[in-house]
Protein backbone atom coordinates (compact mmCIF):
# COMPACT_ATOMS: atom_id res chain seq x y z
CA UNK A 1 0.00 0.00 0.00
CA UNK A 2 1.31 3.39 -0.93
CA UNK A 3 -0.72 5.28 1.65
CA UNK A 4 -2.19 7.64 -0.94
CA UNK A 5 -5.88 8.32 -0.96
CA UNK A 6 -7.95 8.11 -4.08
CA UNK A 7 -9.84 11.33 -3.34
CA UNK A 8 -9.52 13.73 -6.22
CA UNK A 9 -9.09 17.43 -5.73
CA UNK A 10 -12.10 19.47 -6.80
CA UNK A 11 -11.22 22.59 -8.80
CA UNK A 12 -12.28 25.85 -7.19
CA UNK A 13 -13.16 29.17 -8.76
CA UNK A 14 -14.03 32.60 -7.36
CA UNK A 15 -17.46 34.13 -7.90
CA UNK A 16 -17.06 37.59 -9.46
CA UNK A 17 -20.17 38.77 -7.60
CA UNK A 18 -19.63 37.85 -3.96
CA UNK A 19 -15.89 37.05 -4.27
CA UNK A 20 -16.30 33.73 -2.43
CA UNK A 21 -14.47 30.59 -3.54
CA UNK A 22 -16.62 27.60 -4.43
CA UNK A 23 -16.37 24.35 -6.32
CA UNK A 24 -16.36 24.84 -10.07
CA UNK A 25 -19.47 22.65 -10.38
CA UNK A 26 -21.45 25.04 -8.14
CA UNK A 27 -20.73 28.10 -10.29
CA UNK A 28 -21.97 29.20 -13.70
CA UNK A 29 -19.35 30.06 -16.32
CA UNK A 30 -19.92 33.27 -18.27
CA UNK A 31 -18.22 34.16 -21.57
CA UNK A 32 -18.36 37.28 -23.74
CA UNK A 33 -19.62 36.84 -27.28
CA UNK A 34 -19.50 40.19 -29.03
CA UNK A 35 -20.87 42.75 -26.57
CA UNK A 36 -23.03 40.29 -24.65
CA UNK A 37 -22.47 38.06 -21.62
CA UNK A 38 -23.61 34.51 -22.37
CA UNK A 39 -23.97 31.64 -19.87
CA UNK A 40 -21.85 28.58 -20.60
CA UNK A 41 -23.26 25.79 -18.40
CA UNK A 42 -21.25 23.04 -20.15
CA UNK A 43 -18.01 25.03 -20.00
CA UNK A 44 -17.14 24.41 -23.64
CA UNK A 45 -17.44 27.82 -25.29
CA UNK A 46 -14.13 29.31 -26.40
CA UNK A 47 -12.60 32.34 -24.77
CA UNK A 48 -11.98 33.71 -21.35
CA UNK A 49 -14.55 32.83 -18.72
CA UNK A 50 -15.80 34.36 -15.49
CA UNK A 51 -17.68 32.44 -12.81
CA UNK A 52 -20.70 33.51 -10.78
CA UNK A 53 -23.11 31.76 -8.44
CA UNK A 54 -26.38 31.06 -10.30
CA UNK A 55 -28.27 33.42 -7.98
CA UNK A 56 -29.74 36.84 -8.66
CA UNK A 57 -27.91 38.34 -5.66
CA UNK A 58 -24.45 37.46 -6.95
CA UNK A 59 -25.35 38.48 -10.49
CA UNK A 60 -26.60 41.88 -9.28
CA UNK A 61 -23.40 42.43 -7.29
CA UNK A 62 -21.26 41.54 -10.31
CA UNK A 63 -23.18 43.94 -12.56
CA UNK A 64 -23.08 46.73 -9.97
CA UNK A 65 -19.32 46.31 -9.46
CA UNK A 66 -18.73 46.11 -13.26
CA UNK A 67 -16.98 42.80 -12.70
CA UNK A 68 -17.79 41.15 -16.04
CA UNK A 69 -15.92 43.59 -18.33
CA UNK A 70 -12.93 43.44 -16.00
CA UNK A 71 -12.89 39.65 -15.61
CA UNK A 72 -13.48 39.01 -19.30
CA UNK A 73 -11.03 41.74 -20.34
CA UNK A 74 -13.56 43.53 -22.49
CA UNK A 75 -12.93 47.06 -23.75
CA UNK A 76 -16.49 48.31 -23.24
CA UNK A 77 -19.63 47.57 -21.30
CA UNK A 78 -21.30 44.18 -21.76
CA UNK A 79 -25.02 43.49 -22.06
CA UNK A 80 -26.23 41.29 -19.19
CA UNK A 81 -29.99 41.27 -19.87
CA UNK A 82 -29.96 37.78 -21.39
CA UNK A 83 -27.75 36.55 -18.58
CA UNK A 84 -30.20 37.78 -15.94
CA UNK A 85 -33.03 35.91 -17.67
CA UNK A 86 -30.95 32.71 -17.86
CA UNK A 87 -30.09 32.90 -14.15
CA UNK A 88 -33.75 33.49 -13.27
CA UNK A 89 -34.80 30.48 -15.35
CA UNK A 90 -32.12 28.32 -13.75
CA UNK A 91 -33.22 29.40 -10.26
CA UNK A 92 -36.84 28.43 -11.05
CA UNK A 93 -35.77 25.04 -12.40
CA UNK A 94 -33.73 24.20 -9.29
CA UNK A 95 -35.93 23.23 -6.31
C-alpha atoms as a PDB file:
ATOM      1  CA  UNK A   1       0.000   0.000   0.000  1.00  0.00           C
ATOM      2  CA  UNK A   2       1.306   3.389  -0.931  1.00  0.00           C
ATOM      3  CA  UNK A   3      -0.722   5.283   1.649  1.00  0.00           C
ATOM      4  CA  UNK A   4      -2.192   7.643  -0.943  1.00  0.00           C
ATOM      5  CA  UNK A   5      -5.877   8.315  -0.962  1.00  0.00           C
ATOM      6  CA  UNK A   6      -7.954   8.106  -4.085  1.00  0.00           C
ATOM      7  CA  UNK A   7      -9.844  11.333  -3.338  1.00  0.00           C
ATOM      8  CA  UNK A   8      -9.523  13.733  -6.216  1.00  0.00           C
ATOM      9  CA  UNK A   9      -9.091  17.429  -5.726  1.00  0.00           C
ATOM     10  CA  UNK A  10     -12.104  19.473  -6.798  1.00  0.00           C
ATOM     11  CA  UNK A  11     -11.221  22.592  -8.801  1.00  0.00           C
ATOM     12  CA  UNK A  12     -12.278  25.848  -7.187  1.00  0.00           C
ATOM     13  CA  UNK A  13     -13.165  29.174  -8.756  1.00  0.00           C
ATOM     14  CA  UNK A  14     -14.032  32.599  -7.356  1.00  0.00           C
ATOM     15  CA  UNK A  15     -17.463  34.130  -7.905  1.00  0.00           C
ATOM     16  CA  UNK A  16     -17.057  37.590  -9.459  1.00  0.00           C
ATOM     17  CA  UNK A  17     -20.167  38.771  -7.599  1.00  0.00           C
ATOM     18  CA  UNK A  18     -19.632  37.847  -3.958  1.00  0.00           C
ATOM     19  CA  UNK A  19     -15.892  37.055  -4.275  1.00  0.00           C
ATOM     20  CA  UNK A  20     -16.300  33.729  -2.427  1.00  0.00           C
ATOM     21  CA  UNK A  21     -14.472  30.589  -3.536  1.00  0.00           C
ATOM     22  CA  UNK A  22     -16.621  27.601  -4.426  1.00  0.00           C
ATOM     23  CA  UNK A  23     -16.368  24.348  -6.318  1.00  0.00           C
ATOM     24  CA  UNK A  24     -16.358  24.837 -10.071  1.00  0.00           C
ATOM     25  CA  UNK A  25     -19.466  22.652 -10.380  1.00  0.00           C
ATOM     26  CA  UNK A  26     -21.455  25.038  -8.140  1.00  0.00           C
ATOM     27  CA  UNK A  27     -20.726  28.098 -10.289  1.00  0.00           C
ATOM     28  CA  UNK A  28     -21.975  29.201 -13.700  1.00  0.00           C
ATOM     29  CA  UNK A  29     -19.353  30.062 -16.318  1.00  0.00           C
ATOM     30  CA  UNK A  30     -19.921  33.273 -18.269  1.00  0.00           C
ATOM     31  CA  UNK A  31     -18.223  34.161 -21.565  1.00  0.00           C
ATOM     32  CA  UNK A  32     -18.361  37.276 -23.737  1.00  0.00           C
ATOM     33  CA  UNK A  33     -19.620  36.844 -27.279  1.00  0.00           C
ATOM     34  CA  UNK A  34     -19.503  40.187 -29.026  1.00  0.00           C
ATOM     35  CA  UNK A  35     -20.871  42.750 -26.572  1.00  0.00           C
ATOM     36  CA  UNK A  36     -23.033  40.290 -24.650  1.00  0.00           C
ATOM     37  CA  UNK A  37     -22.466  38.064 -21.624  1.00  0.00           C
ATOM     38  CA  UNK A  38     -23.607  34.510 -22.373  1.00  0.00           C
ATOM     39  CA  UNK A  39     -23.968  31.643 -19.866  1.00  0.00           C
ATOM     40  CA  UNK A  40     -21.847  28.575 -20.596  1.00  0.00           C
ATOM     41  CA  UNK A  41     -23.263  25.787 -18.397  1.00  0.00           C
ATOM     42  CA  UNK A  42     -21.251  23.038 -20.150  1.00  0.00           C
ATOM     43  CA  UNK A  43     -18.015  25.031 -19.997  1.00  0.00           C
ATOM     44  CA  UNK A  44     -17.136  24.411 -23.636  1.00  0.00           C
ATOM     45  CA  UNK A  45     -17.435  27.821 -25.292  1.00  0.00           C
ATOM     46  CA  UNK A  46     -14.133  29.312 -26.401  1.00  0.00           C
ATOM     47  CA  UNK A  47     -12.603  32.341 -24.771  1.00  0.00           C
ATOM     48  CA  UNK A  48     -11.981  33.706 -21.352  1.00  0.00           C
ATOM     49  CA  UNK A  49     -14.553  32.828 -18.723  1.00  0.00           C
ATOM     50  CA  UNK A  50     -15.803  34.358 -15.493  1.00  0.00           C
ATOM     51  CA  UNK A  51     -17.680  32.445 -12.813  1.00  0.00           C
ATOM     52  CA  UNK A  52     -20.696  33.510 -10.779  1.00  0.00           C
ATOM     53  CA  UNK A  53     -23.112  31.756  -8.436  1.00  0.00           C
ATOM     54  CA  UNK A  54     -26.377  31.064 -10.303  1.00  0.00           C
ATOM     55  CA  UNK A  55     -28.267  33.420  -7.980  1.00  0.00           C
ATOM     56  CA  UNK A  56     -29.738  36.840  -8.661  1.00  0.00           C
ATOM     57  CA  UNK A  57     -27.914  38.336  -5.657  1.00  0.00           C
ATOM     58  CA  UNK A  58     -24.450  37.456  -6.945  1.00  0.00           C
ATOM     59  CA  UNK A  59     -25.348  38.484 -10.491  1.00  0.00           C
ATOM     60  CA  UNK A  60     -26.597  41.885  -9.280  1.00  0.00           C
ATOM     61  CA  UNK A  61     -23.405  42.426  -7.294  1.00  0.00           C
ATOM     62  CA  UNK A  62     -21.260  41.544 -10.307  1.00  0.00           C
ATOM     63  CA  UNK A  63     -23.178  43.943 -12.564  1.00  0.00           C
ATOM     64  CA  UNK A  64     -23.079  46.733  -9.973  1.00  0.00           C
ATOM     65  CA  UNK A  65     -19.320  46.315  -9.457  1.00  0.00           C
ATOM     66  CA  UNK A  66     -18.729  46.114 -13.259  1.00  0.00           C
ATOM     67  CA  UNK A  67     -16.977  42.796 -12.697  1.00  0.00           C
ATOM     68  CA  UNK A  68     -17.791  41.151 -16.036  1.00  0.00           C
ATOM     69  CA  UNK A  69     -15.918  43.586 -18.331  1.00  0.00           C
ATOM     70  CA  UNK A  70     -12.926  43.442 -16.003  1.00  0.00           C
ATOM     71  CA  UNK A  71     -12.891  39.648 -15.611  1.00  0.00           C
ATOM     72  CA  UNK A  72     -13.483  39.012 -19.300  1.00  0.00           C
ATOM     73  CA  UNK A  73     -11.029  41.744 -20.338  1.00  0.00           C
ATOM     74  CA  UNK A  74     -13.562  43.534 -22.489  1.00  0.00           C
ATOM     75  CA  UNK A  75     -12.927  47.063 -23.747  1.00  0.00           C
ATOM     76  CA  UNK A  76     -16.488  48.312 -23.237  1.00  0.00           C
ATOM     77  CA  UNK A  77     -19.631  47.574 -21.303  1.00  0.00           C
ATOM     78  CA  UNK A  78     -21.298  44.180 -21.758  1.00  0.00           C
ATOM     79  CA  UNK A  79     -25.024  43.494 -22.065  1.00  0.00           C
ATOM     80  CA  UNK A  80     -26.226  41.292 -19.191  1.00  0.00           C
ATOM     81  CA  UNK A  81     -29.994  41.273 -19.872  1.00  0.00           C
ATOM     82  CA  UNK A  82     -29.961  37.781 -21.390  1.00  0.00           C
ATOM     83  CA  UNK A  83     -27.747  36.547 -18.583  1.00  0.00           C
ATOM     84  CA  UNK A  84     -30.197  37.784 -15.939  1.00  0.00           C
ATOM     85  CA  UNK A  85     -33.031  35.909 -17.670  1.00  0.00           C
ATOM     86  CA  UNK A  86     -30.948  32.713 -17.860  1.00  0.00           C
ATOM     87  CA  UNK A  87     -30.086  32.901 -14.151  1.00  0.00           C
ATOM     88  CA  UNK A  88     -33.747  33.492 -13.265  1.00  0.00           C
ATOM     89  CA  UNK A  89     -34.801  30.476 -15.353  1.00  0.00           C
ATOM     90  CA  UNK A  90     -32.118  28.319 -13.752  1.00  0.00           C
ATOM     91  CA  UNK A  91     -33.219  29.403 -10.259  1.00  0.00           C
ATOM     92  CA  UNK A  92     -36.838  28.433 -11.049  1.00  0.00           C
ATOM     93  CA  UNK A  93     -35.774  25.039 -12.396  1.00  0.00           C
ATOM     94  CA  UNK A  94     -33.733  24.199  -9.287  1.00  0.00           C
ATOM     95  CA  UNK A  95     -35.930  23.230  -6.306  1.00  0.00           C
END
